N, C-alpha and C. Protein backbone atom coordinates (compact mmCIF):
# COMPACT_ATOMS: atom_id res chain seq x y z
N MET A 1 1.09 -1.15 0.04
CA MET A 1 -0.48 -0.18 0.23
C MET A 1 1.15 1.56 -0.08
N ASN A 2 0.43 1.95 -0.63
CA ASN A 2 1.05 3.69 -0.71
C ASN A 2 0.83 4.50 0.28
N TYR A 3 1.03 4.13 1.15
CA TYR A 3 0.56 5.23 2.40
C TYR A 3 1.36 6.65 2.15
N ILE A 4 0.15 7.69 2.85
CA ILE A 4 1.03 8.54 2.22
C ILE A 4 1.05 9.02 4.08
N VAL A 5 0.28 8.52 5.23
CA VAL A 5 0.12 8.66 6.58
C VAL A 5 0.38 7.59 7.29
N LYS A 6 1.34 7.62 7.96
CA LYS A 6 0.99 6.25 8.62
C LYS A 6 1.09 6.57 10.63
N ASN A 7 -0.03 6.67 11.22
CA ASN A 7 -0.56 6.41 13.23
C ASN A 7 -0.11 8.35 13.16
N GLU A 8 -0.30 9.14 11.92
CA GLU A 8 -0.20 10.56 12.57
C GLU A 8 -0.89 10.87 13.29
N LYS A 9 -0.69 12.27 14.58
CA LYS A 9 -1.90 12.70 14.80
C LYS A 9 -1.65 13.85 14.57
N LEU A 10 -2.88 13.89 13.89
CA LEU A 10 -3.81 15.48 13.32
C LEU A 10 -4.93 15.68 13.70
N THR A 11 -4.58 17.30 13.84
CA THR A 11 -5.85 18.17 14.33
C THR A 11 -7.24 18.31 13.37
N LEU A 12 -8.13 17.87 14.75
CA LEU A 12 -9.22 18.12 13.02
C LEU A 12 -9.84 19.80 13.38
N GLN A 13 -9.79 20.18 12.38
CA GLN A 13 -9.85 21.79 12.32
C GLN A 13 -11.39 21.49 11.54
N TYR A 14 -11.86 22.42 12.40
CA TYR A 14 -13.06 23.81 12.16
C TYR A 14 -12.88 24.88 11.97
N ILE A 15 -13.74 25.13 10.53
CA ILE A 15 -13.73 26.10 9.54
C ILE A 15 -15.54 26.82 9.38
N ALA A 16 -16.21 27.51 10.60
CA ALA A 16 -17.13 28.26 10.36
C ALA A 16 -17.76 28.01 8.89
N GLY A 17 -18.81 27.66 8.53
CA GLY A 17 -19.68 27.96 7.30
C GLY A 17 -18.82 27.75 6.08
N ASN A 18 -18.00 26.66 6.14
CA ASN A 18 -17.08 25.69 5.29
C ASN A 18 -17.90 25.00 4.43
N GLY A 19 -19.63 24.82 4.78
CA GLY A 19 -19.99 23.61 3.65
C GLY A 19 -19.23 22.10 4.04
N ALA A 20 -18.90 21.51 3.59
CA ALA A 20 -18.27 20.14 3.52
C ALA A 20 -17.20 20.03 4.24
N TRP A 21 -16.72 21.55 4.18
CA TRP A 21 -15.40 21.34 4.20
C TRP A 21 -15.26 22.22 5.83
N THR A 22 -16.12 22.26 6.72
CA THR A 22 -16.23 22.51 7.43
C THR A 22 -15.44 21.88 8.65
N TYR A 23 -15.66 21.05 8.53
CA TYR A 23 -14.82 19.45 9.61
C TYR A 23 -13.50 19.51 8.52
N GLN A 24 -12.15 19.40 8.78
CA GLN A 24 -11.13 18.82 7.58
C GLN A 24 -10.05 18.52 8.73
N LEU A 25 -9.71 17.44 7.74
CA LEU A 25 -7.33 17.30 8.58
C LEU A 25 -7.09 17.82 7.07
N ILE A 26 -5.76 18.62 7.46
CA ILE A 26 -4.67 18.89 6.49
C ILE A 26 -3.80 17.33 6.63
N ILE A 27 -3.43 16.71 5.42
CA ILE A 27 -2.83 15.84 5.19
C ILE A 27 -1.71 16.34 4.60
N PRO A 28 -0.86 16.30 5.90
CA PRO A 28 0.62 16.65 5.26
C PRO A 28 1.68 15.97 4.29
N ASN A 29 2.45 16.45 4.06
CA ASN A 29 3.30 16.42 2.48
C ASN A 29 2.12 15.75 1.07
N THR A 30 1.16 16.24 1.06
CA THR A 30 1.01 15.99 0.14
C THR A 30 0.61 16.75 -1.44
N LYS A 31 1.01 18.24 -0.69
CA LYS A 31 1.38 18.90 -1.69
C LYS A 31 1.79 18.50 -2.81
N ASP A 32 2.97 17.81 -3.56
CA ASP A 32 3.42 17.58 -4.02
C ASP A 32 2.89 16.30 -5.39
N ILE A 33 1.31 15.71 -4.75
CA ILE A 33 1.12 15.14 -4.76
C ILE A 33 -0.14 15.11 -6.05
N LYS A 34 -0.39 15.00 -7.15
CA LYS A 34 -0.96 15.56 -8.90
C LYS A 34 -1.86 14.54 -8.40
N GLY A 35 -3.00 15.80 -9.22
CA GLY A 35 -3.70 15.03 -9.32
C GLY A 35 -4.94 16.08 -9.07
N LYS A 36 -6.32 15.92 -10.20
CA LYS A 36 -7.29 17.68 -10.01
C LYS A 36 -8.28 16.97 -9.44
N TRP A 37 -9.42 17.60 -8.70
CA TRP A 37 -10.34 17.28 -8.18
C TRP A 37 -11.12 16.04 -8.53
N GLY A 38 -11.45 15.14 -6.97
CA GLY A 38 -11.45 13.83 -7.60
C GLY A 38 -10.86 12.09 -7.80
N ASP A 39 -9.81 12.62 -8.24
CA ASP A 39 -8.51 11.81 -8.71
C ASP A 39 -8.24 11.28 -7.74
N LEU A 40 -7.99 12.28 -6.38
CA LEU A 40 -6.73 11.27 -5.26
C LEU A 40 -8.13 10.75 -4.07
N LYS A 41 -7.86 9.74 -4.30
CA LYS A 41 -9.13 9.11 -3.07
C LYS A 41 -8.13 7.89 -1.74
N VAL A 42 -8.68 8.18 -0.98
CA VAL A 42 -7.64 7.93 0.00
C VAL A 42 -8.91 6.64 0.81
N SER A 43 -8.06 6.11 2.05
CA SER A 43 -8.87 4.85 2.61
C SER A 43 -8.26 4.90 3.77
N GLY A 44 -8.33 4.03 4.73
CA GLY A 44 -7.23 4.18 6.04
C GLY A 44 -8.64 3.98 6.99
N THR A 45 -7.43 5.09 7.92
CA THR A 45 -8.50 5.13 9.70
C THR A 45 -8.35 6.54 10.18
N ILE A 46 -8.99 6.73 10.61
CA ILE A 46 -9.67 7.84 11.56
C ILE A 46 -9.59 7.58 12.58
N ASP A 47 -8.64 7.18 14.15
CA ASP A 47 -8.35 7.03 15.39
C ASP A 47 -9.73 5.68 15.19
N GLY A 48 -9.03 4.44 14.17
CA GLY A 48 -9.55 3.54 13.93
C GLY A 48 -10.99 3.12 13.70
N TYR A 49 -11.14 4.46 13.02
CA TYR A 49 -12.66 3.96 12.36
C TYR A 49 -12.37 4.12 10.65
N GLU A 50 -12.95 3.04 9.86
CA GLU A 50 -12.36 2.62 8.87
C GLU A 50 -13.37 3.48 7.92
N ILE A 51 -12.23 4.27 7.00
CA ILE A 51 -13.34 4.61 5.89
C ILE A 51 -12.51 4.57 4.33
N LYS A 52 -13.68 4.76 3.49
CA LYS A 52 -12.97 4.54 2.58
C LYS A 52 -13.34 4.99 1.13
N ASN A 53 -12.35 5.26 0.17
CA ASN A 53 -12.46 5.95 -1.35
C ASN A 53 -12.64 7.20 -0.72
N LYS A 54 -12.34 8.30 0.23
CA LYS A 54 -12.67 8.94 0.75
C LYS A 54 -11.39 10.32 -0.33
N ASN A 55 -12.53 11.64 -0.85
CA ASN A 55 -11.24 12.29 -1.77
C ASN A 55 -10.40 13.26 -1.46
N LEU A 56 -9.39 13.21 -1.21
CA LEU A 56 -8.52 14.53 -0.96
C LEU A 56 -9.03 15.67 -1.88
N GLY A 57 -9.16 16.80 -1.44
CA GLY A 57 -9.50 17.94 -1.97
C GLY A 57 -7.98 19.01 -2.19
N PRO A 58 -8.22 19.24 -3.69
CA PRO A 58 -6.52 19.77 -3.47
C PRO A 58 -6.38 21.12 -3.19
N VAL A 59 -5.76 21.70 -2.72
CA VAL A 59 -5.24 23.31 -2.48
C VAL A 59 -4.51 23.91 -2.51
N LYS A 60 -4.30 24.85 -3.44
CA LYS A 60 -3.59 25.96 -4.12
C LYS A 60 -1.81 25.99 -3.16
N ASN A 61 -1.06 24.69 -3.60
CA ASN A 61 0.42 25.63 -3.28
C ASN A 61 0.22 24.80 -1.71
N SER A 62 -0.59 24.02 -1.20
CA SER A 62 -0.64 23.88 -0.01
C SER A 62 -0.83 22.40 0.08
N ASP A 63 -0.62 21.26 1.57
CA ASP A 63 -0.76 20.79 1.55
C ASP A 63 -2.73 20.01 1.23
N LYS A 64 -2.67 18.82 0.89
CA LYS A 64 -4.49 18.38 0.66
C LYS A 64 -5.27 18.40 2.17
N LYS A 65 -6.65 18.69 1.35
CA LYS A 65 -7.20 18.27 2.67
C LYS A 65 -8.43 17.56 2.58
N MET A 66 -9.10 16.73 3.26
CA MET A 66 -9.73 16.08 3.85
C MET A 66 -10.96 16.53 4.83
N SER A 67 -12.13 15.87 3.99
CA SER A 67 -13.79 16.35 5.14
C SER A 67 -13.13 15.75 5.90
N VAL A 68 -14.47 15.01 6.92
CA VAL A 68 -14.40 15.03 7.56
C VAL A 68 -16.30 14.50 8.01
N ASN A 69 -16.40 14.20 7.88
CA ASN A 69 -18.60 13.82 8.19
C ASN A 69 -18.80 13.57 9.26
N SER A 70 -19.83 14.57 9.64
CA SER A 70 -20.54 13.95 11.04
C SER A 70 -20.64 12.60 11.25
N GLU A 71 -20.89 11.71 10.38
CA GLU A 71 -20.97 10.36 10.67
C GLU A 71 -19.45 9.61 11.32
N ILE A 72 -17.91 10.25 10.75
CA ILE A 72 -16.66 10.08 11.23
C ILE A 72 -16.75 10.35 12.51
N ARG A 73 -17.44 11.57 12.08
CA ARG A 73 -17.00 12.68 14.61
C ARG A 73 -17.55 12.13 15.15
N ASN A 74 -18.87 11.45 14.79
CA ASN A 74 -20.00 11.04 15.74
C ASN A 74 -18.88 9.64 16.08
N ALA A 75 -18.58 8.65 15.23
CA ALA A 75 -17.96 7.66 15.12
C ALA A 75 -16.86 7.61 16.43
N ILE A 76 -15.99 8.78 15.80
CA ILE A 76 -14.97 8.94 17.39
C ILE A 76 -14.69 9.18 18.05
N ASN A 77 -16.34 9.93 18.38
CA ASN A 77 -16.32 10.97 19.09
C ASN A 77 -15.24 12.42 19.18
N LYS A 78 -15.06 12.92 17.97
CA LYS A 78 -14.64 13.81 18.03
C LYS A 78 -14.84 15.21 17.76
N ASP A 79 -14.51 16.21 17.28
CA ASP A 79 -15.17 17.88 17.60
C ASP A 79 -14.03 19.15 17.37
N GLY A 80 -14.24 19.71 16.61
CA GLY A 80 -13.17 20.65 15.98
C GLY A 80 -11.84 20.68 17.15
N GLY A 81 -10.70 21.00 16.44
CA GLY A 81 -9.88 20.87 17.68
C GLY A 81 -9.02 19.59 18.20
N ASP A 82 -9.56 18.84 18.29
CA ASP A 82 -9.33 17.85 19.08
C ASP A 82 -7.95 16.95 18.27
N THR A 83 -7.39 16.72 18.61
CA THR A 83 -6.26 15.32 17.85
C THR A 83 -7.12 13.72 17.15
N VAL A 84 -6.81 13.50 16.52
CA VAL A 84 -6.56 11.91 15.92
C VAL A 84 -5.90 11.57 15.38
N ILE A 85 -5.45 9.76 15.25
CA ILE A 85 -4.96 9.53 14.66
C ILE A 85 -4.78 9.11 13.21
N VAL A 86 -4.02 9.54 12.35
CA VAL A 86 -4.82 9.04 10.69
C VAL A 86 -3.75 8.20 10.48
N THR A 87 -4.57 7.05 9.86
CA THR A 87 -3.66 6.34 8.90
C THR A 87 -4.00 6.47 7.11
N LEU A 88 -3.35 7.09 6.12
CA LEU A 88 -4.19 6.82 5.06
C LEU A 88 -3.27 6.65 3.98
N TYR A 89 -3.30 5.77 2.97
CA TYR A 89 -3.01 5.35 1.56
C TYR A 89 -3.78 5.77 0.47
N LEU A 90 -3.05 5.96 -0.53
CA LEU A 90 -3.61 6.74 -1.96
C LEU A 90 -4.20 5.63 -2.40
N GLU A 91 -5.22 5.85 -2.81
CA GLU A 91 -6.11 4.48 -3.79
C GLU A 91 -5.34 4.30 -5.44
N ASP A 92 -5.68 3.53 -6.03
CA ASP A 92 -5.17 3.70 -7.44
C ASP A 92 -5.54 4.48 -7.90
N GLN A 93 -5.09 5.63 -9.26
CA GLN A 93 -5.78 6.46 -9.61
C GLN A 93 -6.32 6.08 -10.79
N THR A 94 -7.74 6.35 -10.98
CA THR A 94 -8.56 6.30 -12.29
C THR A 94 -8.70 7.19 -12.72
N GLU A 95 -9.35 7.24 -13.84
CA GLU A 95 -9.98 8.74 -13.92
C GLU A 95 -11.47 8.11 -13.95
N ASN A 96 -12.13 9.36 -14.22
CA ASN A 96 -13.42 8.95 -13.37
C ASN A 96 -14.86 9.96 -13.95
N ASP A 97 -16.13 9.85 -13.76
CA ASP A 97 -16.44 11.09 -13.99
C ASP A 97 -16.79 11.76 -12.79
N ASP A 98 -16.99 13.24 -12.89
CA ASP A 98 -16.64 13.94 -11.54
C ASP A 98 -17.91 14.22 -10.97
N SER A 99 -19.16 13.99 -11.64
CA SER A 99 -20.67 14.25 -11.17
C SER A 99 -20.35 13.29 -10.37
N SER A 100 -20.22 11.96 -10.23
CA SER A 100 -20.11 11.38 -9.23
C SER A 100 -19.11 11.96 -7.40
N GLU A 101 -18.47 12.39 -7.81
CA GLU A 101 -17.32 13.00 -6.69
C GLU A 101 -18.54 14.57 -5.85
N ILE A 102 -19.13 15.14 -6.89
CA ILE A 102 -20.06 16.35 -6.59
C ILE A 102 -21.36 15.46 -5.67
N LEU A 103 -21.48 14.51 -6.21
CA LEU A 103 -22.49 14.00 -5.26
C LEU A 103 -22.25 13.40 -4.12
N GLU A 104 -21.10 12.85 -3.84
CA GLU A 104 -20.28 12.41 -2.99
C GLU A 104 -20.01 13.66 -1.81
N CYS A 105 -19.39 14.69 -1.78
CA CYS A 105 -19.58 15.70 -1.35
C CYS A 105 -20.74 15.89 -0.64
N PHE A 106 -22.10 16.33 -1.56
CA PHE A 106 -23.50 16.63 -0.97
C PHE A 106 -24.02 15.66 0.12
N LYS A 107 -23.64 14.03 -0.13
CA LYS A 107 -24.06 13.42 0.70
C LYS A 107 -23.11 14.09 2.11
N ASP A 108 -21.19 13.93 2.34
CA ASP A 108 -20.28 14.00 2.87
C ASP A 108 -21.06 15.51 4.33
N ALA A 109 -22.20 16.51 3.14
CA ALA A 109 -22.56 17.83 3.92
C ALA A 109 -23.49 17.33 4.35
N GLN A 110 -24.51 15.98 4.25
CA GLN A 110 -26.25 15.63 4.15
C GLN A 110 -27.10 16.81 3.99
N VAL A 111 -26.61 17.07 2.14
CA VAL A 111 -27.76 17.66 1.08
C VAL A 111 -27.98 17.00 0.17
N LEU A 112 -27.58 15.54 0.17
CA LEU A 112 -28.01 14.66 -1.12
C LEU A 112 -29.42 14.48 -1.17
N GLN A 113 -30.09 14.36 0.00
CA GLN A 113 -31.26 13.87 0.13
C GLN A 113 -32.38 15.45 -0.95
N ILE A 114 -31.64 16.59 -0.28
CA ILE A 114 -32.69 17.81 -0.71
C ILE A 114 -31.92 17.65 -2.15
N PHE A 115 -30.85 17.77 -2.60
CA PHE A 115 -30.24 17.86 -4.36
C PHE A 115 -31.43 16.89 -4.53
N GLU A 116 -32.05 15.57 -4.49
CA GLU A 116 -32.21 14.39 -4.49
C GLU A 116 -33.72 14.67 -5.21
N ARG A 117 -34.44 16.02 -4.21
CA ARG A 117 -35.49 15.96 -4.38
C ARG A 117 -35.71 17.36 -5.14
N LEU A 118 -34.73 17.99 -6.01
CA LEU A 118 -35.09 19.04 -6.87
C LEU A 118 -35.30 18.23 -8.26
N ASP A 119 -36.08 18.97 -9.49
CA ASP A 119 -36.45 18.46 -10.60
C ASP A 119 -35.52 18.23 -11.35
N LYS A 120 -34.89 17.38 -12.19
CA LYS A 120 -33.35 16.69 -12.88
C LYS A 120 -33.21 18.29 -13.92
N ILE A 121 -33.89 18.53 -13.95
CA ILE A 121 -33.52 19.88 -14.92
C ILE A 121 -32.95 20.45 -13.93
N GLU A 122 -32.87 21.47 -12.72
CA GLU A 122 -32.24 21.75 -11.41
C GLU A 122 -31.08 21.46 -11.14
N GLN A 123 -31.62 19.46 -11.60
CA GLN A 123 -29.96 19.08 -10.65
C GLN A 123 -28.82 18.90 -12.18
N THR A 124 -29.72 19.06 -12.98
CA THR A 124 -28.53 18.88 -14.06
C THR A 124 -27.98 20.37 -14.26
N GLU A 125 -28.53 21.59 -14.24
CA GLU A 125 -27.85 22.94 -14.07
C GLU A 125 -26.75 22.84 -12.70
N ILE A 126 -27.02 22.57 -11.65
CA ILE A 126 -26.49 22.78 -10.73
C ILE A 126 -25.09 21.82 -10.86
N ILE A 127 -25.12 20.33 -11.57
CA ILE A 127 -23.25 19.99 -11.69
C ILE A 127 -23.05 20.42 -13.13
N ASP A 128 -23.94 21.04 -13.92
CA ASP A 128 -22.73 21.89 -15.39
C ASP A 128 -22.66 22.50 -14.35
N GLU A 129 -22.61 23.47 -13.69
CA GLU A 129 -22.50 24.67 -13.62
C GLU A 129 -21.31 24.88 -12.60
N ILE A 130 -20.39 23.72 -12.21
CA ILE A 130 -19.89 23.09 -10.98
C ILE A 130 -18.65 22.48 -12.12
N ARG A 131 -19.10 21.40 -12.97
CA ARG A 131 -17.91 21.17 -13.82
C ARG A 131 -17.70 21.76 -14.63
N ALA A 132 -18.38 23.14 -15.27
CA ALA A 132 -17.94 23.84 -16.10
C ALA A 132 -16.64 24.69 -15.41
N VAL A 133 -16.40 25.04 -14.41
CA VAL A 133 -14.76 26.08 -13.84
C VAL A 133 -13.72 25.53 -14.55
N ALA A 134 -12.52 26.38 -14.72
CA ALA A 134 -11.35 26.19 -15.03
C ALA A 134 -10.78 24.89 -14.21
N THR A 135 -10.75 25.64 -13.06
CA THR A 135 -9.48 24.85 -11.89
C THR A 135 -10.09 24.34 -10.45
N ASP A 136 -10.20 23.45 -9.88
CA ASP A 136 -9.77 22.85 -9.15
C ASP A 136 -10.57 23.89 -8.18
N ASP A 137 -9.48 24.63 -7.76
CA ASP A 137 -10.12 25.51 -6.61
C ASP A 137 -11.29 25.84 -6.67
N GLN A 138 -11.65 26.87 -8.03
CA GLN A 138 -12.88 27.12 -8.44
C GLN A 138 -14.17 25.59 -8.96
N LYS A 139 -14.01 25.15 -8.76
CA LYS A 139 -14.72 23.92 -8.75
C LYS A 139 -14.97 23.12 -6.99
N ALA A 140 -14.41 23.86 -6.22
CA ALA A 140 -14.45 23.92 -4.70
C ALA A 140 -15.17 24.77 -4.44
N GLU A 141 -15.25 25.75 -4.86
CA GLU A 141 -15.61 27.19 -4.08
C GLU A 141 -16.54 26.59 -5.00
N LYS A 142 -17.18 26.49 -6.33
CA LYS A 142 -18.68 26.26 -6.43
C LYS A 142 -19.51 25.22 -5.90
N ILE A 143 -18.77 23.95 -5.44
CA ILE A 143 -19.49 23.07 -4.37
C ILE A 143 -20.16 22.85 -3.32
N ILE A 144 -19.00 24.14 -2.27
CA ILE A 144 -19.34 24.73 -1.37
C ILE A 144 -20.83 25.82 -1.34
N LYS A 145 -20.54 26.41 -2.46
CA LYS A 145 -22.26 27.16 -3.06
C LYS A 145 -22.57 26.26 -3.16
N ALA A 146 -23.36 25.63 -4.07
CA ALA A 146 -24.13 24.64 -4.24
C ALA A 146 -25.07 24.29 -3.22
N ILE A 147 -23.46 23.71 -2.14
CA ILE A 147 -24.10 23.11 -0.28
C ILE A 147 -24.78 23.71 0.45
N GLU A 148 -24.52 25.58 0.40
CA GLU A 148 -24.89 26.09 1.27
C GLU A 148 -26.28 26.57 0.54
N ASN A 149 -26.35 26.57 -1.02
CA ASN A 149 -27.48 27.35 -1.09
C ASN A 149 -29.18 25.16 -1.22
N LEU A 150 -28.45 24.39 -0.88
CA LEU A 150 -29.46 23.43 -0.55
C LEU A 150 -29.42 23.12 0.68
N GLU A 151 -28.56 24.10 1.63
CA GLU A 151 -28.69 23.52 2.82
C GLU A 151 -29.86 25.28 3.54
N SER A 152 -29.54 25.98 2.68
CA SER A 152 -30.99 27.01 2.50
C SER A 152 -32.25 26.35 2.40
N LYS A 153 -32.33 25.25 1.75
CA LYS A 153 -33.69 24.61 1.39
C LYS A 153 -33.47 23.71 2.36
N ARG A 154 -33.23 23.10 3.13
CA ARG A 154 -33.46 22.56 4.22
C ARG A 154 -35.01 22.89 4.89
N ARG A 155 -35.29 23.99 5.08
CA ARG A 155 -36.67 24.28 6.13
C ARG A 155 -37.44 23.86 5.25
């Protein structure tokens, strides 16, 4: 296995209002790993809790980040600012349709059900708007904005 971190102590970061990225881990020594949004998948453990095929989010000129959803946080009983023990390995990189990656982000942010209640035309418009951007950073920003818009429909 191609480990990128093994039994490393990392801080679970909390960034208010950051959509699916409100809780995240910055994965050290990943700045030079090449791959666009959705290409970099990791599996491993966080405090012994098994995770599979999680996206590493690109950050311009910095280490990659990984969102930590409520399912994981509840399972390990940790919150922002807490230290966790992380072991991650890089999955084989294969080309994929980034629509599934966008939907996975919606799932991580717990807005997928809201998205799925929209009519097909509106769903297509949201996905197409996200996919139309030129850079990974722009795509991440569009995903965060879409998540915020979907969260506002929760009420």
